[in-house]
C-alpha cells in the first residue's frame, strides 16, 4: 500500500509467551486519524507499544514507513509525577529524538518549547514542578512535549483518562489540528460517543481485530457484541498461537469497512 504509514502483516504481539494481539493485518494510512477501541485487556496499549518499537513481534511484521518519525505518549499512570523536573524540562524532552540526550539546546529550541507550552494553555507554568500539577495540567504538558517532537506519526494511549471536560476539548482540538496538518494519529480511547464524533476511522480489538475501517461501520451493535464475546472467551493465560491455515479467521482490513469474522480460541487451541 503506497500511502501506508504503518503496515501490519499477520502481526502477533505479546509479553513472554503470552500473546496480547493476534494476527493483525492491515495498515494505518498516511494522514489518517484512527481510534483504537476495545475492552480492557483487548491489546490496545500493546499495539501502540509495538508500533512505537517498544515490543518486538512474536510473529509477523509491524513496519513503519521509511523516514517516518514517531511520537508516543504513554498512559499517564506510567509517568513518574515525582520526577524532579519542571514543566519546561518535561516539554524539552521532546527535543531528545533530534538533539540527543546530551545535545545542546539552541535559542530556537527554547522558542519551540515556549510556543508549545503556550499552545496547550500553560503560559506561566514553565517553572512549576510536575508534582504540583493537576491531572489535566500534566496531560497538557505531555501534549506540549508531543508538539515539540514534530513527528509524522503520533501515538496516544488513553490521553483523555482522568482529565476535566475543558481539557478534553482542548486536547481534541490539538489532535484535530495534527490531522489537518497531514500527520498520522492513532489514539486509544474508551468513550465511543467521542470516537463517533471525532475519529473518522476506528479499529475494534478483542486481542484480535474484530473490525477496522470507517467508524460508523466499525462501531455497530453486531461488532461490539462480537468484541464482547471474544473478550469474555479469552483466558489470561492463553499462549502464543500460530495461524491455522487459510480459514484461521483473520480480520483483514481493506479500509472499506470489510472484515472477516472468526471465533476466539481458548487456551490450548490454535488462534
C-alpha atoms as a PDB file:
ATOM      1  CA  UNK A   1       0.000   0.000   0.000  1.00  0.00           C
ATOM      2  CA  UNK A   2       1.800   3.096  -1.222  1.00  0.00           C
ATOM      3  CA  UNK A   3       0.112   5.549   1.170  1.00  0.00           C
ATOM      4  CA  UNK A   4       0.647   3.401   4.271  1.00  0.00           C
ATOM      5  CA  UNK A   5       2.333   4.989   7.286  1.00  0.00           C
ATOM      6  CA  UNK A   6       2.357   1.735   9.285  1.00  0.00           C
ATOM      7  CA  UNK A   7       1.796  -1.741   7.814  1.00  0.00           C
ATOM      8  CA  UNK A   8       0.846  -4.848   9.804  1.00  0.00           C
ATOM      9  CA  UNK A   9       1.442  -8.292   8.292  1.00  0.00           C
ATOM     10  CA  UNK A  10      -0.118 -11.102  10.353  1.00  0.00           C
ATOM     11  CA  UNK A  11       1.246  -9.363  13.444  1.00  0.00           C
ATOM     12  CA  UNK A  12       1.165 -11.036  16.852  1.00  0.00           C
ATOM     13  CA  UNK A  13       2.446  -9.098  19.869  1.00  0.00           C
ATOM     14  CA  UNK A  14       2.749 -10.045  23.500  1.00  0.00           C
ATOM     15  CA  UNK A  15       4.840 -10.456  26.612  1.00  0.00           C
ATOM     16  CA  UNK A  16       6.928 -13.553  27.182  1.00  0.00           C
ATOM     17  CA  UNK A  17       4.838 -16.433  25.849  1.00  0.00           C
ATOM     18  CA  UNK A  18       1.558 -14.568  26.343  1.00  0.00           C
ATOM     19  CA  UNK A  19       0.094 -13.055  23.170  1.00  0.00           C
ATOM     20  CA  UNK A  20      -1.967  -9.896  23.614  1.00  0.00           C
ATOM     21  CA  UNK A  21      -2.629  -9.003  19.947  1.00  0.00           C
ATOM     22  CA  UNK A  22      -3.200 -11.838  17.499  1.00  0.00           C
ATOM     23  CA  UNK A  23      -2.833 -11.907  13.697  1.00  0.00           C
ATOM     24  CA  UNK A  24      -3.364  -8.265  12.744  1.00  0.00           C
ATOM     25  CA  UNK A  25      -3.118  -7.448   9.054  1.00  0.00           C
ATOM     26  CA  UNK A  26      -3.769  -4.015   7.564  1.00  0.00           C
ATOM     27  CA  UNK A  27      -2.355  -0.504   7.565  1.00  0.00           C
ATOM     28  CA  UNK A  28      -2.622   2.936   9.090  1.00  0.00           C
ATOM     29  CA  UNK A  29      -2.891   5.229   6.110  1.00  0.00           C
ATOM     30  CA  UNK A  30      -0.677   8.283   5.967  1.00  0.00           C
ATOM     31  CA  UNK A  31      -2.642  11.232   7.334  1.00  0.00           C
ATOM     32  CA  UNK A  32      -5.345   9.074   8.935  1.00  0.00           C
ATOM     33  CA  UNK A  33      -6.976   9.714  12.311  1.00  0.00           C
ATOM     34  CA  UNK A  34      -7.826   6.392  13.969  1.00  0.00           C
ATOM     35  CA  UNK A  35      -9.308   5.447  17.320  1.00  0.00           C
ATOM     36  CA  UNK A  36      -8.256   2.086  18.749  1.00  0.00           C
ATOM     37  CA  UNK A  37     -11.082   0.753  20.905  1.00  0.00           C
ATOM     38  CA  UNK A  38     -11.957  -2.377  22.833  1.00  0.00           C
ATOM     39  CA  UNK A  39     -12.426  -3.719  26.341  1.00  0.00           C
ATOM     40  CA  UNK A  40      -9.701  -3.600  28.973  1.00  0.00           C
ATOM     41  CA  UNK A  41      -7.081  -6.209  28.123  1.00  0.00           C
ATOM     42  CA  UNK A  42      -8.004  -6.276  24.431  1.00  0.00           C
ATOM     43  CA  UNK A  43      -4.485  -5.364  23.260  1.00  0.00           C
ATOM     44  CA  UNK A  44      -4.876  -1.650  22.540  1.00  0.00           C
ATOM     45  CA  UNK A  45      -1.872  -0.408  24.530  1.00  0.00           C
ATOM     46  CA  UNK A  46       0.173  -3.396  23.418  1.00  0.00           C
ATOM     47  CA  UNK A  47      -0.444  -2.480  19.795  1.00  0.00           C
ATOM     48  CA  UNK A  48       0.747   1.104  20.325  1.00  0.00           C
ATOM     49  CA  UNK A  49       3.905  -0.168  22.016  1.00  0.00           C
ATOM     50  CA  UNK A  50       4.508  -2.481  19.070  1.00  0.00           C
ATOM     51  CA  UNK A  51       4.171   0.393  16.609  1.00  0.00           C
ATOM     52  CA  UNK A  52       6.491   2.534  18.743  1.00  0.00           C
ATOM     53  CA  UNK A  53       9.131  -0.217  18.645  1.00  0.00           C
ATOM     54  CA  UNK A  54       8.909  -0.966  22.363  1.00  0.00           C
ATOM     55  CA  UNK A  55       7.757  -4.554  21.722  1.00  0.00           C
ATOM     56  CA  UNK A  56       9.219  -6.899  19.120  1.00  0.00           C
ATOM     57  CA  UNK A  57       6.699  -9.041  17.203  1.00  0.00           C
ATOM     58  CA  UNK A  58       6.187 -12.599  18.365  1.00  0.00           C
ATOM     59  CA  UNK A  59       5.341 -13.332  14.751  1.00  0.00           C
ATOM     60  CA  UNK A  60       4.515 -11.345  11.641  1.00  0.00           C
ATOM     61  CA  UNK A  61       5.662  -7.791  10.999  1.00  0.00           C
ATOM     62  CA  UNK A  62       4.947  -4.209  12.014  1.00  0.00           C
ATOM     63  CA  UNK A  63       6.634  -1.866   9.550  1.00  0.00           C
ATOM     64  CA  UNK A  64       6.720   1.910   9.934  1.00  0.00           C
ATOM     65  CA  UNK A  65       7.284   3.752   6.670  1.00  0.00           C
ATOM     66  CA  UNK A  66      10.792   4.779   5.719  1.00  0.00           C
ATOM     67  CA  UNK A  67      11.735   8.144   7.187  1.00  0.00           C
ATOM     68  CA  UNK A  68       8.606   8.362   9.362  1.00  0.00           C
ATOM     69  CA  UNK A  69       9.269   9.908  12.785  1.00  0.00           C
ATOM     70  CA  UNK A  70       7.037   8.869  15.676  1.00  0.00           C
ATOM     71  CA  UNK A  71       5.929  10.367  18.980  1.00  0.00           C
ATOM     72  CA  UNK A  72       4.496   8.030  21.611  1.00  0.00           C
ATOM     73  CA  UNK A  73       2.547   9.254  24.630  1.00  0.00           C
ATOM     74  CA  UNK A  74       2.058   6.552  27.268  1.00  0.00           C
ATOM     75  CA  UNK A  75      -0.813   6.354  29.720  1.00  0.00           C
ATOM     76  CA  UNK A  76      -0.492   8.968  32.416  1.00  0.00           C
ATOM     77  CA  UNK A  77      -0.176   6.247  35.047  1.00  0.00           C
ATOM     78  CA  UNK A  78       3.220   5.419  33.549  1.00  0.00           C
ATOM     79  CA  UNK A  79       4.545   8.957  34.140  1.00  0.00           C
ATOM     80  CA  UNK A  80       6.540   9.460  37.342  1.00  0.00           C
ATOM     81  CA  UNK A  81       4.890  12.505  38.895  1.00  0.00           C
ATOM     82  CA  UNK A  82       7.659  12.718  41.489  1.00  0.00           C
ATOM     83  CA  UNK A  83      10.474  13.007  38.955  1.00  0.00           C
ATOM     84  CA  UNK A  84      12.349  16.187  39.956  1.00  0.00           C
ATOM     85  CA  UNK A  85      11.531  18.269  36.898  1.00  0.00           C
ATOM     86  CA  UNK A  86       9.580  21.329  35.903  1.00  0.00           C
ATOM     87  CA  UNK A  87       7.097  21.775  33.071  1.00  0.00           C
ATOM     88  CA  UNK A  88       9.770  23.330  30.853  1.00  0.00           C
ATOM     89  CA  UNK A  89      12.031  20.299  31.398  1.00  0.00           C
ATOM     90  CA  UNK A  90       9.284  17.815  30.557  1.00  0.00           C
ATOM     91  CA  UNK A  91       8.349  19.611  27.354  1.00  0.00           C
ATOM     92  CA  UNK A  92      12.001  19.980  26.339  1.00  0.00           C
ATOM     93  CA  UNK A  93      12.328  16.180  26.426  1.00  0.00           C
ATOM     94  CA  UNK A  94      10.572  16.299  23.077  1.00  0.00           C
ATOM     95  CA  UNK A  95      13.821  17.626  21.626  1.00  0.00           C
ATOM     96  CA  UNK A  96      15.765  14.451  22.520  1.00  0.00           C
ATOM     97  CA  UNK A  97      14.966  12.455  19.360  1.00  0.00           C
ATOM     98  CA  UNK A  98      16.551  15.223  17.258  1.00  0.00           C
ATOM     99  CA  UNK A  99      19.202  16.607  19.653  1.00  0.00           C
ATOM    100  CA  UNK A 100      20.147  13.549  21.668  1.00  0.00           C
ATOM    101  CA  UNK A 101      20.132  13.300  25.454  1.00  0.00           C
ATOM    102  CA  UNK A 102      23.211  15.489  25.841  1.00  0.00           C
ATOM    103  CA  UNK A 103      22.742  17.730  22.815  1.00  0.00           C
ATOM    104  CA  UNK A 104      22.950  21.465  23.290  1.00  0.00           C
ATOM    105  CA  UNK A 105      19.688  23.402  23.328  1.00  0.00           C
ATOM    106  CA  UNK A 106      19.639  26.353  20.940  1.00  0.00           C
ATOM    107  CA  UNK A 107      17.734  29.604  21.194  1.00  0.00           C
ATOM    108  CA  UNK A 108      15.367  28.278  18.514  1.00  0.00           C
ATOM    109  CA  UNK A 109      14.763  25.192  20.650  1.00  0.00           C
ATOM    110  CA  UNK A 110      13.827  27.339  23.623  1.00  0.00           C
ATOM    111  CA  UNK A 111      11.392  29.265  21.456  1.00  0.00           C
ATOM    112  CA  UNK A 112       9.826  25.988  20.244  1.00  0.00           C
ATOM    113  CA  UNK A 113       9.370  24.828  23.843  1.00  0.00           C
ATOM    114  CA  UNK A 114       7.801  28.142  24.869  1.00  0.00           C
ATOM    115  CA  UNK A 115       5.405  28.088  21.902  1.00  0.00           C
ATOM    116  CA  UNK A 116       4.372  24.514  22.661  1.00  0.00           C
ATOM    117  CA  UNK A 117       3.654  25.388  26.296  1.00  0.00           C
ATOM    118  CA  UNK A 118       1.541  28.325  25.145  1.00  0.00           C
ATOM    119  CA  UNK A 119      -0.283  26.171  22.583  1.00  0.00           C
ATOM    120  CA  UNK A 120      -1.584  23.862  25.321  1.00  0.00           C
ATOM    121  CA  UNK A 121      -2.687  26.724  27.565  1.00  0.00           C
ATOM    122  CA  UNK A 122       0.092  26.509  30.159  1.00  0.00           C
ATOM    123  CA  UNK A 123       1.532  30.021  29.896  1.00  0.00           C
ATOM    124  CA  UNK A 124       3.037  30.882  33.257  1.00  0.00           C
ATOM    125  CA  UNK A 125       3.516  27.237  34.258  1.00  0.00           C
ATOM    126  CA  UNK A 126       7.016  26.855  32.821  1.00  0.00           C
ATOM    127  CA  UNK A 127       8.708  26.723  36.251  1.00  0.00           C
ATOM    128  CA  UNK A 128       6.059  24.633  38.012  1.00  0.00           C
ATOM    129  CA  UNK A 129       7.196  21.290  39.440  1.00  0.00           C
ATOM    130  CA  UNK A 130       5.443  18.297  37.904  1.00  0.00           C
ATOM    131  CA  UNK A 131       4.125  17.072  41.255  1.00  0.00           C
ATOM    132  CA  UNK A 132       2.185  20.328  41.704  1.00  0.00           C
ATOM    133  CA  UNK A 133       0.153  19.878  38.512  1.00  0.00           C
ATOM    134  CA  UNK A 134      -3.389  18.633  38.281  1.00  0.00           C
ATOM    135  CA  UNK A 135      -4.145  15.676  36.027  1.00  0.00           C
ATOM    136  CA  UNK A 136      -5.354  17.943  33.247  1.00  0.00           C
ATOM    137  CA  UNK A 137      -2.335  20.244  33.524  1.00  0.00           C
ATOM    138  CA  UNK A 138       0.072  17.327  33.344  1.00  0.00           C
ATOM    139  CA  UNK A 139      -1.672  15.967  30.272  1.00  0.00           C
ATOM    140  CA  UNK A 140      -1.415  19.388  28.623  1.00  0.00           C
ATOM    141  CA  UNK A 141       2.320  19.405  29.360  1.00  0.00           C
ATOM    142  CA  UNK A 142       2.685  15.938  27.841  1.00  0.00           C
ATOM    143  CA  UNK A 143       0.862  17.123  24.708  1.00  0.00           C
ATOM    144  CA  UNK A 144       3.266  20.074  24.556  1.00  0.00           C
ATOM    145  CA  UNK A 145       6.131  17.576  24.535  1.00  0.00           C
ATOM    146  CA  UNK A 146       4.476  15.843  21.567  1.00  0.00           C
ATOM    147  CA  UNK A 147       4.189  19.193  19.774  1.00  0.00           C
ATOM    148  CA  UNK A 148       7.927  19.783  20.238  1.00  0.00           C
ATOM    149  CA  UNK A 149       8.698  16.359  18.757  1.00  0.00           C
ATOM    150  CA  UNK A 150       7.094  17.470  15.476  1.00  0.00           C
ATOM    151  CA  UNK A 151       6.528  13.826  14.473  1.00  0.00           C
ATOM    152  CA  UNK A 152       4.873  12.379  11.373  1.00  0.00           C
ATOM    153  CA  UNK A 153       3.184   9.616  13.397  1.00  0.00           C
ATOM    154  CA  UNK A 154       1.551  10.365  16.757  1.00  0.00           C
ATOM    155  CA  UNK A 155       0.527   7.535  19.115  1.00  0.00           C
ATOM    156  CA  UNK A 156      -1.566   8.461  22.160  1.00  0.00           C
ATOM    157  CA  UNK A 157      -2.507   5.892  24.797  1.00  0.00           C
ATOM    158  CA  UNK A 158      -5.703   6.852  26.656  1.00  0.00           C
ATOM    159  CA  UNK A 159      -4.964  10.593  26.668  1.00  0.00           C
ATOM    160  CA  UNK A 160      -8.425  11.548  27.964  1.00  0.00           C
ATOM    161  CA  UNK A 161      -8.442   9.488  31.166  1.00  0.00           C
ATOM    162  CA  UNK A 162      -8.978  11.361  34.443  1.00  0.00           C
ATOM    163  CA  UNK A 163      -8.897  14.861  32.941  1.00  0.00           C
ATOM    164  CA  UNK A 164     -11.559  17.551  33.073  1.00  0.00           C
ATOM    165  CA  UNK A 165     -14.041  18.235  30.289  1.00  0.00           C
ATOM    166  CA  UNK A 166     -12.410  21.508  29.237  1.00  0.00           C
ATOM    167  CA  UNK A 167      -9.009  19.840  28.914  1.00  0.00           C
ATOM    168  CA  UNK A 168     -10.531  17.007  26.869  1.00  0.00           C
ATOM    169  CA  UNK A 169     -11.984  19.572  24.470  1.00  0.00           C
ATOM    170  CA  UNK A 170      -8.640  21.347  24.129  1.00  0.00           C
ATOM    171  CA  UNK A 171      -6.761  18.081  23.569  1.00  0.00           C
ATOM    172  CA  UNK A 172      -9.247  17.039  20.896  1.00  0.00           C
ATOM    173  CA  UNK A 173      -8.592  20.390  19.230  1.00  0.00           C
ATOM    174  CA  UNK A 174      -4.865  19.640  19.159  1.00  0.00           C
ATOM    175  CA  UNK A 175      -5.485  16.163  17.734  1.00  0.00           C
ATOM    176  CA  UNK A 176      -7.721  17.588  15.011  1.00  0.00           C
ATOM    177  CA  UNK A 177      -5.025  20.134  14.246  1.00  0.00           C
ATOM    178  CA  UNK A 178      -2.422  17.391  13.784  1.00  0.00           C
ATOM    179  CA  UNK A 179      -4.813  15.541  11.491  1.00  0.00           C
ATOM    180  CA  UNK A 180      -5.390  18.699   9.451  1.00  0.00           C
ATOM    181  CA  UNK A 181      -1.613  19.039   9.053  1.00  0.00           C
ATOM    182  CA  UNK A 182      -1.496  15.590   7.443  1.00  0.00           C
ATOM    183  CA  UNK A 183       0.058  13.746  10.373  1.00  0.00           C
ATOM    184  CA  UNK A 184      -0.982  10.170  11.103  1.00  0.00           C
ATOM    185  CA  UNK A 185      -2.638   9.919  14.517  1.00  0.00           C
ATOM    186  CA  UNK A 186      -3.708   6.764  16.393  1.00  0.00           C
ATOM    187  CA  UNK A 187      -5.422   7.146  19.764  1.00  0.00           C
ATOM    188  CA  UNK A 188      -6.518   4.539  22.317  1.00  0.00           C
ATOM    189  CA  UNK A 189      -9.928   5.713  23.526  1.00  0.00           C
ATOM    190  CA  UNK A 190     -12.849   4.351  25.558  1.00  0.00           C
ATOM    191  CA  UNK A 191     -15.652   6.880  25.037  1.00  0.00           C
ATOM    192  CA  UNK A 192     -17.454   5.513  21.977  1.00  0.00           C
ATOM    193  CA  UNK A 193     -19.640   8.598  21.609  1.00  0.00           C
ATOM    194  CA  UNK A 194     -16.490  10.709  21.398  1.00  0.00           C
ATOM    195  CA  UNK A 195     -14.955   8.278  18.927  1.00  0.00           C
ATOM    196  CA  UNK A 196     -18.015   8.541  16.691  1.00  0.00           C
ATOM    197  CA  UNK A 197     -17.901  12.348  16.839  1.00  0.00           C
ATOM    198  CA  UNK A 198     -14.157  12.909  16.407  1.00  0.00           C
ATOM    199  CA  UNK A 199     -12.463   9.962  14.678  1.00  0.00           C
ATOM    200  CA  UNK A 200     -13.119   9.138  11.005  1.00  0.00           C
ATOM    201  CA  UNK A 201     -11.679   5.629  11.391  1.00  0.00           C
ATOM    202  CA  UNK A 202     -11.646   3.026  14.139  1.00  0.00           C
ATOM    203  CA  UNK A 203     -10.010  -0.297  14.915  1.00  0.00           C
ATOM    204  CA  UNK A 204     -12.021  -2.535  17.249  1.00  0.00           C
ATOM    205  CA  UNK A 205      -9.812  -5.047  19.068  1.00  0.00           C
ATOM    206  CA  UNK A 206     -10.575  -8.064  21.222  1.00  0.00           C
ATOM    207  CA  UNK A 207      -6.982  -9.370  21.230  1.00  0.00           C
ATOM    208  CA  UNK A 208      -7.579  -9.964  17.530  1.00  0.00           C
ATOM    209  CA  UNK A 209      -9.162  -7.438  15.172  1.00  0.00           C
ATOM    210  CA  UNK A 210     -12.953  -7.519  15.074  1.00  0.00           C
ATOM    211  CA  UNK A 211     -13.460  -4.668  12.594  1.00  0.00           C
ATOM    212  CA  UNK A 212     -11.402  -1.863  11.070  1.00  0.00           C
ATOM    213  CA  UNK A 213     -12.460   0.936   8.769  1.00  0.00           C
ATOM    214  CA  UNK A 214     -14.835   3.942   8.784  1.00  0.00           C
ATOM    215  CA  UNK A 215     -16.023   4.463  12.340  1.00  0.00           C
ATOM    216  CA  UNK A 216     -19.734   4.185  11.557  1.00  0.00           C
ATOM    217  CA  UNK A 217     -19.228   0.747  10.000  1.00  0.00           C
ATOM    218  CA  UNK A 218     -16.968  -0.456  12.813  1.00  0.00           C
ATOM    219  CA  UNK A 219     -18.931   0.589  15.901  1.00  0.00           C
ATOM    220  CA  UNK A 220     -22.091  -1.310  15.071  1.00  0.00           C
ATOM    221  CA  UNK A 221     -24.060  -3.277  17.643  1.00  0.00           C
ATOM    222  CA  UNK A 222     -23.117  -6.537  15.929  1.00  0.00           C
ATOM    223  CA  UNK A 223     -19.393  -5.748  16.006  1.00  0.00           C
ATOM    224  CA  UNK A 224     -19.490  -4.524  19.603  1.00  0.00           C
ATOM    225  CA  UNK A 225     -21.389  -7.656  20.634  1.00  0.00           C
ATOM    226  CA  UNK A 226     -18.808  -9.826  18.865  1.00  0.00           C
ATOM    227  CA  UNK A 227     -15.966  -7.960  20.563  1.00  0.00           C
ATOM    228  CA  UNK A 228     -17.560  -8.548  23.967  1.00  0.00           C
ATOM    229  CA  UNK A 229     -17.953 -12.238  23.121  1.00  0.00           C
ATOM    230  CA  UNK A 230     -14.307 -12.508  22.069  1.00  0.00           C
ATOM    231  CA  UNK A 231     -13.078 -10.661  25.173  1.00  0.00           C
ATOM    232  CA  UNK A 232     -15.071 -12.903  27.500  1.00  0.00           C
ATOM    233  CA  UNK A 233     -13.837 -16.049  25.721  1.00  0.00           C
ATOM    234  CA  UNK A 234     -10.130 -15.289  26.034  1.00  0.00           C
ATOM    235  CA  UNK A 235      -8.289 -16.659  29.040  1.00  0.00           C
ATOM    236  CA  UNK A 236      -5.486 -14.572  30.512  1.00  0.00           C
ATOM    237  CA  UNK A 237      -3.075 -17.490  30.384  1.00  0.00           C
ATOM    238  CA  UNK A 238      -3.739 -18.254  26.699  1.00  0.00           C
ATOM    239  CA  UNK A 239      -0.399 -18.947  24.960  1.00  0.00           C
ATOM    240  CA  UNK A 240       1.047 -17.547  21.783  1.00  0.00           C
ATOM    241  CA  UNK A 241      -0.584 -19.237  18.813  1.00  0.00           C
ATOM    242  CA  UNK A 242       0.149 -19.858  15.159  1.00  0.00           C
ATOM    243  CA  UNK A 243      -2.275 -19.246  12.291  1.00  0.00           C
ATOM    244  CA  UNK A 244      -4.314 -22.321  11.446  1.00  0.00           C
ATOM    245  CA  UNK A 245      -4.217 -22.106   7.668  1.00  0.00           C
ATOM    246  CA  UNK A 246      -6.389 -20.178   5.233  1.00  0.00           C
ATOM    247  CA  UNK A 247      -9.503 -20.461   7.374  1.00  0.00           C
ATOM    248  CA  UNK A 248      -7.932 -19.137  10.588  1.00  0.00           C
ATOM    249  CA  UNK A 249     -10.353 -16.242  10.847  1.00  0.00           C
ATOM    250  CA  UNK A 250      -8.002 -13.257  10.390  1.00  0.00           C
ATOM    251  CA  UNK A 251      -9.759  -9.942  10.157  1.00  0.00           C
ATOM    252  CA  UNK A 252      -8.040  -8.489   7.124  1.00  0.00           C
ATOM    253  CA  UNK A 253      -8.611  -4.788   6.771  1.00  0.00           C
ATOM    254  CA  UNK A 254      -9.109  -3.078   3.452  1.00  0.00           C
ATOM    255  CA  UNK A 255     -10.298   0.364   4.685  1.00  0.00           C
ATOM    256  CA  UNK A 256     -13.664  -0.220   3.053  1.00  0.00           C
ATOM    257  CA  UNK A 257     -15.142  -1.447   6.317  1.00  0.00           C
ATOM    258  CA  UNK A 258     -14.903  -5.088   5.253  1.00  0.00           C
ATOM    259  CA  UNK A 259     -13.766  -7.623   7.797  1.00  0.00           C
ATOM    260  CA  UNK A 260     -13.828 -11.376   8.207  1.00  0.00           C
ATOM    261  CA  UNK A 261     -15.181 -12.918  11.363  1.00  0.00           C
ATOM    262  CA  UNK A 262     -13.582 -15.845  13.135  1.00  0.00           C
ATOM    263  CA  UNK A 263     -14.025 -17.462  16.517  1.00  0.00           C
ATOM    264  CA  UNK A 264     -11.995 -16.760  19.637  1.00  0.00           C
ATOM    265  CA  UNK A 265      -9.578 -19.508  20.594  1.00  0.00           C
ATOM    266  CA  UNK A 266      -9.291 -20.566  24.194  1.00  0.00           C
ATOM    267  CA  UNK A 267      -6.203 -21.793  25.972  1.00  0.00           C
ATOM    268  CA  UNK A 268      -4.559 -24.676  24.150  1.00  0.00           C
ATOM    269  CA  UNK A 269      -6.272 -24.010  20.828  1.00  0.00           C
ATOM    270  CA  UNK A 270      -4.681 -22.586  17.697  1.00  0.00           C
ATOM    271  CA  UNK A 271      -5.614 -18.982  17.007  1.00  0.00           C
END
